[in-house]
Amino acid sequence: MQSLALPQLAAYGSFQQIASQSLRDRLLATPNSQNYLEDWESLTTNLPLAHPVQRYNALDLMVYLPDDGFRKANLACAGTGVTYLCPILDMDVVRFALSLPIEYRFNSKENKRLLRHIGKEFLDPRILSQPKRGFGTPVADWFRNDLAPIAQKLADEVTEWDIHKLLNEKSVKHIVAEHLHGQASHGPLLWTLYCLRLWEEKTGR
């Protein structure tokens, strides 16, 4: 509900971001002047998008898929010999879907409306009535259990591994403590910090 009360781009971003702007401001040693919302604004300002859903669809195609979804898929398939195909993103299919009226593409009571209606011909109604399920990994639980020592080392050794001095030491320690003590859930953020540590150690020396 908090996200839906935000302006269009900020609402969309709140479902994509790992850390809020206020958390990023606390975490970074130097406030980040680059605001991705401004980049998204410039990408969509001159497009003929009358409805917020059209704007979100455009950002999915220009930003989310190439920078997130496809990148993860490529990494998952790299070195395994697995090839993945996205027939639903065939250009003719995409153009057709984007040309449909908003009420065909979006309904607040029915997720993935078009796919569910197409699936009626092929799938059992019990499957079609299932809610959407994600493929998220339980990183929050990992960092409170098996990976808890790694999380603690992120905090204890931040001044050693943060070679580029990107982070606020006190904030890193506070975030790790919050997570380990169950006061907040920072699983994806801790994973990001761990990846940053690996990158810093590889590039900084």
N, C-alpha and C. Protein backbone atom coordinates (compact mmCIF):
# COMPACT_ATOMS: atom_id res chain seq x y z
N MET A 1 0.83 -1.20 0.00
CA MET A 1 0.00 0.00 0.00
C MET A 1 0.87 1.26 0.00
N GLN A 2 1.99 1.22 0.72
CA GLN A 2 2.90 2.36 0.72
C GLN A 2 3.44 2.63 -0.68
N SER A 3 3.74 1.55 -1.41
CA SER A 3 4.27 1.70 -2.76
C SER A 3 3.24 2.34 -3.68
N LEU A 4 1.99 1.89 -3.56
CA LEU A 4 0.95 2.41 -4.45
C LEU A 4 0.66 3.87 -4.20
N ALA A 5 1.03 4.38 -3.04
CA ALA A 5 0.82 5.80 -2.73
C ALA A 5 1.91 6.68 -3.33
N LEU A 6 2.96 6.07 -3.86
CA LEU A 6 4.08 6.83 -4.42
C LEU A 6 3.77 7.27 -5.85
N PRO A 7 4.52 8.26 -6.37
CA PRO A 7 4.40 8.60 -7.80
C PRO A 7 4.70 7.38 -8.66
N GLN A 8 4.29 7.43 -9.93
CA GLN A 8 4.34 6.26 -10.81
C GLN A 8 5.70 5.56 -10.82
N LEU A 9 6.75 6.29 -11.15
CA LEU A 9 8.06 5.67 -11.30
C LEU A 9 8.60 5.17 -9.97
N ALA A 10 8.37 5.92 -8.92
CA ALA A 10 8.82 5.49 -7.60
C ALA A 10 8.08 4.23 -7.15
N ALA A 11 6.80 4.14 -7.48
CA ALA A 11 6.02 2.94 -7.14
C ALA A 11 6.57 1.73 -7.88
N TYR A 12 6.83 1.89 -9.17
CA TYR A 12 7.42 0.80 -9.96
C TYR A 12 8.78 0.40 -9.39
N GLY A 13 9.60 1.39 -9.08
CA GLY A 13 10.93 1.13 -8.56
C GLY A 13 10.91 0.43 -7.22
N SER A 14 9.91 0.69 -6.39
CA SER A 14 9.86 0.10 -5.06
C SER A 14 9.72 -1.41 -5.12
N PHE A 15 9.19 -1.92 -6.23
CA PHE A 15 9.06 -3.36 -6.39
C PHE A 15 10.31 -3.98 -7.01
N GLN A 16 11.25 -3.15 -7.46
CA GLN A 16 12.46 -3.64 -8.12
C GLN A 16 13.70 -3.50 -7.23
N GLN A 17 13.71 -2.49 -6.38
CA GLN A 17 14.94 -2.14 -5.67
C GLN A 17 15.25 -3.08 -4.51
N ILE A 18 16.53 -3.23 -4.22
CA ILE A 18 16.99 -4.02 -3.09
C ILE A 18 16.99 -3.18 -1.81
N ALA A 19 17.32 -1.91 -1.96
CA ALA A 19 17.36 -1.01 -0.81
C ALA A 19 16.66 0.29 -1.17
N SER A 20 15.90 0.82 -0.24
CA SER A 20 15.22 2.09 -0.46
C SER A 20 16.24 3.23 -0.57
N GLN A 21 15.78 4.37 -1.06
CA GLN A 21 16.67 5.51 -1.18
C GLN A 21 17.23 5.92 0.18
N SER A 22 16.40 5.90 1.21
CA SER A 22 16.88 6.29 2.55
C SER A 22 17.91 5.30 3.07
N LEU A 23 17.71 4.01 2.79
CA LEU A 23 18.69 3.01 3.22
C LEU A 23 19.98 3.15 2.43
N ARG A 24 19.88 3.43 1.14
CA ARG A 24 21.09 3.63 0.34
C ARG A 24 21.87 4.84 0.83
N ASP A 25 21.15 5.90 1.20
CA ASP A 25 21.82 7.11 1.71
C ASP A 25 22.59 6.80 3.00
N ARG A 26 22.01 5.94 3.85
CA ARG A 26 22.70 5.55 5.08
C ARG A 26 23.89 4.65 4.81
N LEU A 27 23.73 3.78 3.82
CA LEU A 27 24.73 2.74 3.57
C LEU A 27 25.97 3.26 2.85
N LEU A 28 25.78 4.22 1.95
CA LEU A 28 26.90 4.71 1.15
C LEU A 28 27.71 5.75 1.91
N ALA A 29 29.01 5.68 1.75
CA ALA A 29 29.89 6.66 2.41
C ALA A 29 29.66 8.05 1.86
N THR A 30 29.43 8.13 0.55
CA THR A 30 29.12 9.39 -0.12
C THR A 30 27.76 9.27 -0.77
N PRO A 31 26.82 10.16 -0.49
CA PRO A 31 25.49 10.07 -1.10
C PRO A 31 25.59 9.95 -2.61
N ASN A 32 24.78 9.05 -3.15
CA ASN A 32 24.80 8.80 -4.59
C ASN A 32 23.95 9.84 -5.30
N SER A 33 24.57 10.63 -6.14
CA SER A 33 23.83 11.69 -6.84
C SER A 33 23.06 11.15 -8.03
N GLN A 34 23.40 9.93 -8.50
CA GLN A 34 22.72 9.36 -9.65
C GLN A 34 21.42 8.72 -9.21
N ASN A 35 20.32 9.19 -9.74
CA ASN A 35 19.00 8.69 -9.37
C ASN A 35 18.41 7.93 -10.56
N TYR A 36 18.23 6.64 -10.40
CA TYR A 36 17.73 5.84 -11.52
C TYR A 36 16.32 6.27 -11.95
N LEU A 37 15.55 6.88 -11.03
CA LEU A 37 14.22 7.35 -11.40
C LEU A 37 14.32 8.44 -12.46
N GLU A 38 15.35 9.26 -12.40
CA GLU A 38 15.55 10.28 -13.42
C GLU A 38 15.89 9.64 -14.75
N ASP A 39 16.67 8.55 -14.73
CA ASP A 39 16.98 7.83 -15.96
C ASP A 39 15.71 7.24 -16.56
N TRP A 40 14.87 6.66 -15.72
CA TRP A 40 13.62 6.08 -16.21
C TRP A 40 12.70 7.16 -16.76
N GLU A 41 12.71 8.31 -16.10
CA GLU A 41 11.89 9.43 -16.58
C GLU A 41 12.30 9.83 -17.99
N SER A 42 13.61 9.93 -18.21
CA SER A 42 14.10 10.33 -19.52
C SER A 42 13.81 9.27 -20.58
N LEU A 43 13.79 8.00 -20.18
CA LEU A 43 13.50 6.92 -21.13
C LEU A 43 12.05 6.93 -21.59
N THR A 44 11.14 7.34 -20.71
CA THR A 44 9.72 7.21 -21.02
C THR A 44 9.02 8.53 -21.32
N THR A 45 9.69 9.66 -21.10
CA THR A 45 9.02 10.95 -21.25
C THR A 45 8.47 11.17 -22.65
N ASN A 46 9.24 10.83 -23.67
CA ASN A 46 8.84 11.13 -25.04
C ASN A 46 8.08 10.00 -25.72
N LEU A 47 7.75 8.97 -24.96
CA LEU A 47 6.97 7.87 -25.53
C LEU A 47 5.48 8.16 -25.37
N PRO A 48 4.67 7.72 -26.35
CA PRO A 48 3.21 7.97 -26.27
C PRO A 48 2.54 7.01 -25.30
N LEU A 49 2.72 7.26 -24.01
CA LEU A 49 2.22 6.36 -22.98
C LEU A 49 1.17 7.08 -22.15
N ALA A 50 -0.08 6.78 -22.40
CA ALA A 50 -1.16 7.50 -21.73
C ALA A 50 -1.52 6.88 -20.38
N HIS A 51 -1.18 5.62 -20.17
CA HIS A 51 -1.59 4.91 -18.96
C HIS A 51 -0.36 4.42 -18.20
N PRO A 52 -0.40 4.44 -16.86
CA PRO A 52 0.75 3.94 -16.09
C PRO A 52 1.17 2.53 -16.47
N VAL A 53 0.20 1.65 -16.79
CA VAL A 53 0.55 0.28 -17.17
C VAL A 53 1.43 0.28 -18.41
N GLN A 54 1.15 1.17 -19.35
CA GLN A 54 1.98 1.26 -20.56
C GLN A 54 3.41 1.68 -20.20
N ARG A 55 3.52 2.57 -19.26
CA ARG A 55 4.84 3.03 -18.83
C ARG A 55 5.61 1.90 -18.16
N TYR A 56 4.91 1.14 -17.33
CA TYR A 56 5.56 0.02 -16.64
C TYR A 56 5.96 -1.07 -17.64
N ASN A 57 5.11 -1.32 -18.64
CA ASN A 57 5.46 -2.29 -19.67
C ASN A 57 6.72 -1.86 -20.42
N ALA A 58 6.80 -0.56 -20.73
CA ALA A 58 7.98 -0.05 -21.44
C ALA A 58 9.24 -0.22 -20.61
N LEU A 59 9.14 0.06 -19.31
CA LEU A 59 10.31 -0.09 -18.44
C LEU A 59 10.69 -1.55 -18.27
N ASP A 60 9.70 -2.43 -18.24
CA ASP A 60 10.00 -3.87 -18.19
C ASP A 60 10.86 -4.27 -19.39
N LEU A 61 10.47 -3.80 -20.57
CA LEU A 61 11.16 -4.18 -21.80
C LEU A 61 12.52 -3.50 -21.94
N MET A 62 12.63 -2.26 -21.48
CA MET A 62 13.88 -1.50 -21.68
C MET A 62 14.87 -1.67 -20.54
N VAL A 63 14.37 -1.95 -19.33
CA VAL A 63 15.25 -1.95 -18.17
C VAL A 63 15.24 -3.29 -17.43
N TYR A 64 14.05 -3.69 -16.96
CA TYR A 64 13.98 -4.86 -16.08
C TYR A 64 14.47 -6.15 -16.76
N LEU A 65 13.96 -6.43 -17.96
CA LEU A 65 14.36 -7.68 -18.62
C LEU A 65 15.85 -7.71 -18.99
N PRO A 66 16.36 -6.70 -19.69
CA PRO A 66 17.79 -6.77 -20.06
C PRO A 66 18.74 -6.65 -18.89
N ASP A 67 18.39 -5.84 -17.88
CA ASP A 67 19.32 -5.60 -16.77
C ASP A 67 19.15 -6.58 -15.62
N ASP A 68 18.04 -7.29 -15.57
CA ASP A 68 17.79 -8.18 -14.43
C ASP A 68 17.41 -9.59 -14.89
N GLY A 69 16.21 -9.75 -15.41
CA GLY A 69 15.72 -11.08 -15.74
C GLY A 69 16.61 -11.85 -16.70
N PHE A 70 16.94 -11.23 -17.83
CA PHE A 70 17.76 -11.93 -18.82
C PHE A 70 19.19 -12.12 -18.32
N ARG A 71 19.69 -11.16 -17.57
CA ARG A 71 21.06 -11.29 -17.06
C ARG A 71 21.15 -12.49 -16.11
N LYS A 72 20.16 -12.64 -15.24
CA LYS A 72 20.15 -13.78 -14.34
C LYS A 72 20.01 -15.09 -15.11
N ALA A 73 19.17 -15.09 -16.14
CA ALA A 73 18.99 -16.30 -16.94
C ALA A 73 20.29 -16.67 -17.66
N ASN A 74 20.98 -15.67 -18.19
CA ASN A 74 22.25 -15.94 -18.87
C ASN A 74 23.29 -16.52 -17.91
N LEU A 75 23.36 -15.95 -16.71
CA LEU A 75 24.31 -16.46 -15.72
C LEU A 75 23.97 -17.88 -15.30
N ALA A 76 22.66 -18.16 -15.16
CA ALA A 76 22.24 -19.49 -14.74
C ALA A 76 22.55 -20.54 -15.80
N CYS A 77 22.51 -20.14 -17.07
CA CYS A 77 22.75 -21.08 -18.16
C CYS A 77 24.22 -21.17 -18.56
N ALA A 78 25.01 -20.18 -18.15
CA ALA A 78 26.42 -20.14 -18.57
C ALA A 78 27.17 -21.38 -18.10
N GLY A 79 27.86 -22.00 -19.03
CA GLY A 79 28.69 -23.14 -18.69
C GLY A 79 27.95 -24.45 -18.50
N THR A 80 26.62 -24.45 -18.65
CA THR A 80 25.85 -25.67 -18.43
C THR A 80 25.41 -26.32 -19.74
N GLY A 81 25.54 -25.59 -20.84
CA GLY A 81 25.08 -26.12 -22.11
C GLY A 81 23.58 -26.00 -22.29
N VAL A 82 22.92 -25.30 -21.37
CA VAL A 82 21.47 -25.11 -21.44
C VAL A 82 21.16 -23.88 -22.28
N THR A 83 20.22 -24.01 -23.19
CA THR A 83 19.76 -22.88 -23.99
C THR A 83 18.32 -22.58 -23.61
N TYR A 84 18.04 -21.34 -23.33
CA TYR A 84 16.66 -20.97 -22.99
C TYR A 84 16.08 -20.09 -24.08
N LEU A 85 14.81 -20.26 -24.33
CA LEU A 85 14.10 -19.50 -25.36
C LEU A 85 12.93 -18.77 -24.72
N CYS A 86 12.58 -17.63 -25.28
CA CYS A 86 11.47 -16.82 -24.77
C CYS A 86 10.49 -16.55 -25.90
N PRO A 87 9.73 -17.56 -26.31
CA PRO A 87 8.80 -17.35 -27.44
C PRO A 87 7.77 -16.26 -27.17
N ILE A 88 7.46 -16.06 -25.89
CA ILE A 88 6.47 -15.03 -25.56
C ILE A 88 7.00 -13.64 -25.87
N LEU A 89 8.34 -13.51 -26.04
CA LEU A 89 8.94 -12.22 -26.36
C LEU A 89 9.30 -12.11 -27.84
N ASP A 90 8.76 -13.00 -28.65
CA ASP A 90 8.85 -12.82 -30.10
C ASP A 90 8.31 -11.43 -30.45
N MET A 91 8.97 -10.72 -31.33
CA MET A 91 8.60 -9.33 -31.59
C MET A 91 7.15 -9.18 -32.04
N ASP A 92 6.66 -10.13 -32.84
CA ASP A 92 5.26 -10.04 -33.29
C ASP A 92 4.31 -10.21 -32.11
N VAL A 93 4.66 -11.12 -31.20
CA VAL A 93 3.82 -11.35 -30.02
C VAL A 93 3.84 -10.11 -29.12
N VAL A 94 5.02 -9.52 -28.93
CA VAL A 94 5.14 -8.33 -28.08
C VAL A 94 4.35 -7.17 -28.68
N ARG A 95 4.51 -6.94 -29.98
CA ARG A 95 3.77 -5.84 -30.62
C ARG A 95 2.26 -6.03 -30.48
N PHE A 96 1.81 -7.27 -30.67
CA PHE A 96 0.38 -7.55 -30.53
C PHE A 96 -0.09 -7.28 -29.10
N ALA A 97 0.68 -7.79 -28.12
CA ALA A 97 0.28 -7.62 -26.71
C ALA A 97 0.23 -6.14 -26.34
N LEU A 98 1.21 -5.37 -26.80
CA LEU A 98 1.25 -3.95 -26.45
C LEU A 98 0.16 -3.15 -27.17
N SER A 99 -0.40 -3.72 -28.22
CA SER A 99 -1.45 -3.00 -28.96
C SER A 99 -2.83 -3.23 -28.35
N LEU A 100 -2.95 -4.18 -27.44
CA LEU A 100 -4.25 -4.50 -26.87
C LEU A 100 -4.70 -3.41 -25.89
N PRO A 101 -6.01 -3.21 -25.75
CA PRO A 101 -6.51 -2.24 -24.77
C PRO A 101 -6.05 -2.60 -23.36
N ILE A 102 -5.92 -1.59 -22.53
CA ILE A 102 -5.44 -1.80 -21.16
C ILE A 102 -6.30 -2.81 -20.42
N GLU A 103 -7.61 -2.75 -20.60
CA GLU A 103 -8.49 -3.65 -19.84
C GLU A 103 -8.27 -5.12 -20.21
N TYR A 104 -7.70 -5.39 -21.38
CA TYR A 104 -7.37 -6.77 -21.75
C TYR A 104 -6.07 -7.22 -21.08
N ARG A 105 -5.20 -6.26 -20.80
CA ARG A 105 -3.86 -6.59 -20.28
C ARG A 105 -3.78 -6.53 -18.77
N PHE A 106 -4.66 -5.79 -18.16
CA PHE A 106 -4.55 -5.56 -16.72
C PHE A 106 -5.92 -5.59 -16.07
N ASN A 107 -5.99 -6.33 -14.96
CA ASN A 107 -7.21 -6.39 -14.17
C ASN A 107 -6.79 -6.57 -12.72
N SER A 108 -7.24 -5.69 -11.85
CA SER A 108 -6.79 -5.74 -10.45
C SER A 108 -7.23 -7.00 -9.73
N LYS A 109 -8.19 -7.74 -10.31
CA LYS A 109 -8.68 -8.97 -9.67
C LYS A 109 -8.08 -10.23 -10.28
N GLU A 110 -7.31 -10.08 -11.36
CA GLU A 110 -6.81 -11.26 -12.07
C GLU A 110 -5.41 -10.98 -12.61
N ASN A 111 -4.41 -11.65 -12.05
CA ASN A 111 -3.04 -11.52 -12.53
C ASN A 111 -2.84 -12.32 -13.82
N LYS A 112 -1.93 -11.84 -14.67
CA LYS A 112 -1.60 -12.55 -15.91
C LYS A 112 -2.87 -12.91 -16.69
N ARG A 113 -3.70 -11.93 -16.89
CA ARG A 113 -5.03 -12.17 -17.45
C ARG A 113 -4.98 -12.84 -18.82
N LEU A 114 -4.16 -12.32 -19.71
CA LEU A 114 -4.10 -12.88 -21.06
C LEU A 114 -3.62 -14.33 -21.05
N LEU A 115 -2.58 -14.61 -20.29
CA LEU A 115 -2.05 -15.97 -20.24
C LEU A 115 -3.07 -16.94 -19.67
N ARG A 116 -3.80 -16.50 -18.66
CA ARG A 116 -4.81 -17.38 -18.07
C ARG A 116 -5.93 -17.69 -19.07
N HIS A 117 -6.31 -16.69 -19.84
CA HIS A 117 -7.39 -16.91 -20.82
C HIS A 117 -6.91 -17.79 -21.96
N ILE A 118 -5.66 -17.61 -22.40
CA ILE A 118 -5.10 -18.48 -23.42
C ILE A 118 -5.01 -19.91 -22.90
N GLY A 119 -4.62 -20.04 -21.62
CA GLY A 119 -4.42 -21.35 -21.03
C GLY A 119 -5.68 -22.15 -20.82
N LYS A 120 -6.85 -21.52 -20.86
CA LYS A 120 -8.11 -22.24 -20.63
C LYS A 120 -8.29 -23.39 -21.60
N GLU A 121 -7.71 -23.25 -22.79
CA GLU A 121 -7.85 -24.29 -23.80
C GLU A 121 -6.97 -25.50 -23.52
N PHE A 122 -5.93 -25.30 -22.71
CA PHE A 122 -4.93 -26.35 -22.55
C PHE A 122 -4.75 -26.85 -21.11
N LEU A 123 -5.12 -26.05 -20.12
CA LEU A 123 -4.78 -26.37 -18.74
C LEU A 123 -6.02 -26.64 -17.88
N ASP A 124 -5.82 -27.46 -16.87
CA ASP A 124 -6.86 -27.77 -15.91
C ASP A 124 -7.24 -26.50 -15.15
N PRO A 125 -8.52 -26.26 -14.90
CA PRO A 125 -8.95 -25.06 -14.17
C PRO A 125 -8.27 -24.91 -12.80
N ARG A 126 -7.93 -26.05 -12.19
CA ARG A 126 -7.27 -25.99 -10.88
C ARG A 126 -5.88 -25.36 -11.00
N ILE A 127 -5.25 -25.54 -12.13
CA ILE A 127 -3.94 -24.92 -12.36
C ILE A 127 -4.11 -23.44 -12.65
N LEU A 128 -5.11 -23.12 -13.46
CA LEU A 128 -5.33 -21.72 -13.85
C LEU A 128 -5.73 -20.84 -12.67
N SER A 129 -6.32 -21.44 -11.65
CA SER A 129 -6.75 -20.65 -10.50
C SER A 129 -5.65 -20.50 -9.45
N GLN A 130 -4.49 -21.11 -9.69
CA GLN A 130 -3.39 -21.02 -8.74
C GLN A 130 -2.84 -19.59 -8.70
N PRO A 131 -2.40 -19.13 -7.54
CA PRO A 131 -1.76 -17.80 -7.47
C PRO A 131 -0.37 -17.82 -8.09
N LYS A 132 0.14 -16.66 -8.41
CA LYS A 132 1.49 -16.56 -8.95
C LYS A 132 2.50 -17.01 -7.89
N ARG A 133 3.50 -17.76 -8.34
CA ARG A 133 4.58 -18.19 -7.46
C ARG A 133 5.91 -17.70 -8.01
N GLY A 134 6.72 -17.13 -7.14
CA GLY A 134 8.03 -16.67 -7.57
C GLY A 134 9.08 -17.76 -7.42
N PHE A 135 10.29 -17.42 -7.82
CA PHE A 135 11.41 -18.37 -7.72
C PHE A 135 12.51 -17.78 -6.85
N GLY A 136 12.10 -17.04 -5.84
CA GLY A 136 13.08 -16.40 -4.96
C GLY A 136 13.84 -17.42 -4.12
N THR A 137 15.08 -17.11 -3.83
CA THR A 137 15.89 -17.97 -2.98
C THR A 137 15.81 -17.46 -1.54
N PRO A 138 15.88 -18.36 -0.55
CA PRO A 138 15.71 -17.97 0.87
C PRO A 138 16.99 -17.40 1.46
N VAL A 139 17.52 -16.34 0.84
CA VAL A 139 18.80 -15.79 1.30
C VAL A 139 18.70 -15.23 2.72
N ALA A 140 17.53 -14.73 3.09
CA ALA A 140 17.39 -14.19 4.46
C ALA A 140 17.63 -15.29 5.48
N ASP A 141 17.03 -16.48 5.26
CA ASP A 141 17.24 -17.60 6.17
C ASP A 141 18.69 -18.08 6.11
N TRP A 142 19.27 -18.12 4.92
CA TRP A 142 20.67 -18.56 4.79
C TRP A 142 21.59 -17.71 5.65
N PHE A 143 21.38 -16.38 5.57
CA PHE A 143 22.28 -15.48 6.30
C PHE A 143 22.02 -15.48 7.81
N ARG A 144 20.93 -16.09 8.25
CA ARG A 144 20.71 -16.23 9.69
C ARG A 144 21.16 -17.60 10.19
N ASN A 145 21.48 -18.50 9.27
CA ASN A 145 21.85 -19.85 9.66
C ASN A 145 23.22 -20.22 9.10
N ASP A 146 23.26 -20.99 8.02
CA ASP A 146 24.54 -21.48 7.51
C ASP A 146 25.50 -20.37 7.10
N LEU A 147 24.95 -19.27 6.56
CA LEU A 147 25.81 -18.19 6.09
C LEU A 147 25.96 -17.06 7.11
N ALA A 148 25.50 -17.28 8.33
CA ALA A 148 25.62 -16.25 9.37
C ALA A 148 27.08 -15.83 9.60
N PRO A 149 28.05 -16.77 9.59
CA PRO A 149 29.44 -16.34 9.76
C PRO A 149 29.92 -15.42 8.65
N ILE A 150 29.44 -15.65 7.42
CA ILE A 150 29.81 -14.78 6.31
C ILE A 150 29.24 -13.39 6.52
N ALA A 151 27.96 -13.32 6.97
CA ALA A 151 27.34 -12.03 7.25
C ALA A 151 28.11 -11.28 8.33
N GLN A 152 28.51 -12.01 9.38
CA GLN A 152 29.24 -11.37 10.47
C GLN A 152 30.60 -10.85 9.99
N LYS A 153 31.25 -11.60 9.11
CA LYS A 153 32.54 -11.16 8.57
C LYS A 153 32.39 -9.92 7.70
N LEU A 154 31.24 -9.80 7.02
CA LEU A 154 30.99 -8.59 6.24
C LEU A 154 31.06 -7.36 7.14
N ALA A 155 30.52 -7.51 8.34
CA ALA A 155 30.51 -6.39 9.28
C ALA A 155 31.86 -6.21 9.95
N ASP A 156 32.43 -7.31 10.42
CA ASP A 156 33.68 -7.22 11.19
C ASP A 156 34.86 -6.74 10.34
N GLU A 157 34.86 -7.08 9.05
CA GLU A 157 36.01 -6.80 8.20
C GLU A 157 35.73 -5.76 7.13
N VAL A 158 34.66 -4.98 7.31
CA VAL A 158 34.27 -4.04 6.26
C VAL A 158 35.37 -3.04 5.92
N THR A 159 36.11 -2.58 6.91
CA THR A 159 37.18 -1.61 6.62
C THR A 159 38.32 -2.24 5.83
N GLU A 160 38.45 -3.57 5.92
CA GLU A 160 39.50 -4.26 5.18
C GLU A 160 39.10 -4.56 3.75
N TRP A 161 37.85 -5.06 3.55
CA TRP A 161 37.47 -5.45 2.19
C TRP A 161 36.90 -4.30 1.37
N ASP A 162 36.37 -3.25 2.02
CA ASP A 162 35.83 -2.11 1.26
C ASP A 162 36.98 -1.21 0.82
N ILE A 163 37.75 -1.72 -0.12
CA ILE A 163 38.97 -1.05 -0.56
C ILE A 163 38.68 0.31 -1.19
N HIS A 164 37.57 0.42 -1.88
CA HIS A 164 37.23 1.67 -2.57
C HIS A 164 36.50 2.66 -1.66
N LYS A 165 36.29 2.27 -0.41
CA LYS A 165 35.65 3.14 0.59
C LYS A 165 34.29 3.64 0.10
N LEU A 166 33.50 2.69 -0.34
CA LEU A 166 32.16 3.01 -0.85
C LEU A 166 31.11 3.07 0.25
N LEU A 167 31.37 2.39 1.37
CA LEU A 167 30.33 2.16 2.35
C LEU A 167 30.57 2.87 3.67
N ASN A 168 29.48 3.10 4.39
CA ASN A 168 29.53 3.63 5.73
C ASN A 168 29.67 2.45 6.69
N GLU A 169 30.79 2.37 7.37
CA GLU A 169 31.10 1.21 8.22
C GLU A 169 30.02 0.96 9.26
N LYS A 170 29.59 2.01 9.96
CA LYS A 170 28.59 1.86 11.02
C LYS A 170 27.27 1.32 10.47
N SER A 171 26.90 1.77 9.28
CA SER A 171 25.64 1.32 8.69
C SER A 171 25.70 -0.15 8.30
N VAL A 172 26.83 -0.58 7.75
CA VAL A 172 26.98 -2.00 7.41
C VAL A 172 26.84 -2.86 8.65
N LYS A 173 27.52 -2.47 9.73
CA LYS A 173 27.45 -3.24 10.97
C LYS A 173 26.04 -3.24 11.54
N HIS A 174 25.36 -2.11 11.44
CA HIS A 174 23.99 -2.02 11.96
C HIS A 174 23.05 -2.92 11.16
N ILE A 175 23.19 -2.92 9.84
CA ILE A 175 22.32 -3.74 8.98
C ILE A 175 22.55 -5.22 9.25
N VAL A 176 23.80 -5.62 9.39
CA VAL A 176 24.10 -7.03 9.67
C VAL A 176 23.54 -7.42 11.04
N ALA A 177 23.72 -6.59 12.04
CA ALA A 177 23.21 -6.89 13.38
C ALA A 177 21.69 -7.00 13.37
N GLU A 178 21.03 -6.08 12.69
CA GLU A 178 19.57 -6.13 12.59
C GLU A 178 19.12 -7.47 12.02
N HIS A 179 19.79 -7.89 10.97
CA HIS A 179 19.38 -9.13 10.30
C HIS A 179 19.64 -10.35 11.19
N LEU A 180 20.84 -10.44 11.74
CA LEU A 180 21.19 -11.61 12.55
C LEU A 180 20.33 -11.73 13.80
N HIS A 181 19.87 -10.60 14.33
CA HIS A 181 19.05 -10.63 15.54
C HIS A 181 17.55 -10.67 15.24
N GLY A 182 17.20 -10.79 13.95
CA GLY A 182 15.80 -10.90 13.58
C GLY A 182 15.00 -9.62 13.70
N GLN A 183 15.69 -8.48 13.78
CA GLN A 183 14.99 -7.20 13.91
C GLN A 183 14.54 -6.65 12.55
N ALA A 184 15.13 -7.15 11.49
CA ALA A 184 14.77 -6.76 10.13
C ALA A 184 15.24 -7.86 9.20
N SER A 185 14.74 -7.84 7.97
CA SER A 185 15.15 -8.83 6.98
C SER A 185 15.90 -8.14 5.84
N HIS A 186 17.20 -8.39 5.78
CA HIS A 186 18.04 -7.75 4.77
C HIS A 186 18.73 -8.77 3.87
N GLY A 187 18.09 -9.92 3.65
CA GLY A 187 18.72 -10.99 2.90
C GLY A 187 19.29 -10.57 1.54
N PRO A 188 18.47 -10.02 0.62
CA PRO A 188 19.00 -9.61 -0.68
C PRO A 188 20.10 -8.54 -0.57
N LEU A 189 19.97 -7.64 0.41
CA LEU A 189 20.98 -6.60 0.58
C LEU A 189 22.29 -7.22 1.06
N LEU A 190 22.23 -8.17 1.97
CA LEU A 190 23.45 -8.83 2.43
C LEU A 190 24.11 -9.61 1.31
N TRP A 191 23.30 -10.23 0.46
CA TRP A 191 23.86 -10.93 -0.70
C TRP A 191 24.56 -9.94 -1.63
N THR A 192 23.95 -8.79 -1.81
CA THR A 192 24.55 -7.75 -2.64
C THR A 192 25.87 -7.27 -2.04
N LEU A 193 25.90 -7.09 -0.74
CA LEU A 193 27.13 -6.66 -0.08
C LEU A 193 28.22 -7.74 -0.20
N TYR A 194 27.80 -8.99 -0.11
CA TYR A 194 28.77 -10.08 -0.25
C TYR A 194 29.36 -10.09 -1.68
N CYS A 195 28.50 -9.90 -2.68
CA CYS A 195 28.99 -9.82 -4.07
C CYS A 195 29.90 -8.61 -4.25
N LEU A 196 29.55 -7.49 -3.60
CA LEU A 196 30.40 -6.30 -3.66
C LEU A 196 31.76 -6.61 -3.04
N ARG A 197 31.77 -7.34 -1.94
CA ARG A 197 33.05 -7.71 -1.32
C ARG A 197 33.91 -8.51 -2.29
N LEU A 198 33.32 -9.51 -2.93
CA LEU A 198 34.07 -10.32 -3.89
C LEU A 198 34.61 -9.46 -5.03
N TRP A 199 33.79 -8.52 -5.50
CA TRP A 199 34.22 -7.64 -6.60
C TRP A 199 35.35 -6.73 -6.14
N GLU A 200 35.21 -6.14 -4.95
CA GLU A 200 36.25 -5.24 -4.45
C GLU A 200 37.57 -5.99 -4.27
N GLU A 201 37.50 -7.20 -3.73
CA GLU A 201 38.73 -7.96 -3.51
C GLU A 201 39.39 -8.36 -4.82
N LYS A 202 38.58 -8.54 -5.85
CA LYS A 202 39.12 -8.94 -7.15
C LYS A 202 39.70 -7.75 -7.91
N THR A 203 39.07 -6.59 -7.80
CA THR A 203 39.48 -5.43 -8.61
C THR A 203 40.38 -4.45 -7.86
N GLY A 204 40.38 -4.53 -6.53
CA GLY A 204 41.07 -3.48 -5.78
C GLY A 204 42.51 -3.78 -5.45
N ARG A 205 42.95 -4.98 -5.75
CA ARG A 205 44.30 -5.33 -5.39
C ARG A 205 45.11 -5.78 -6.60
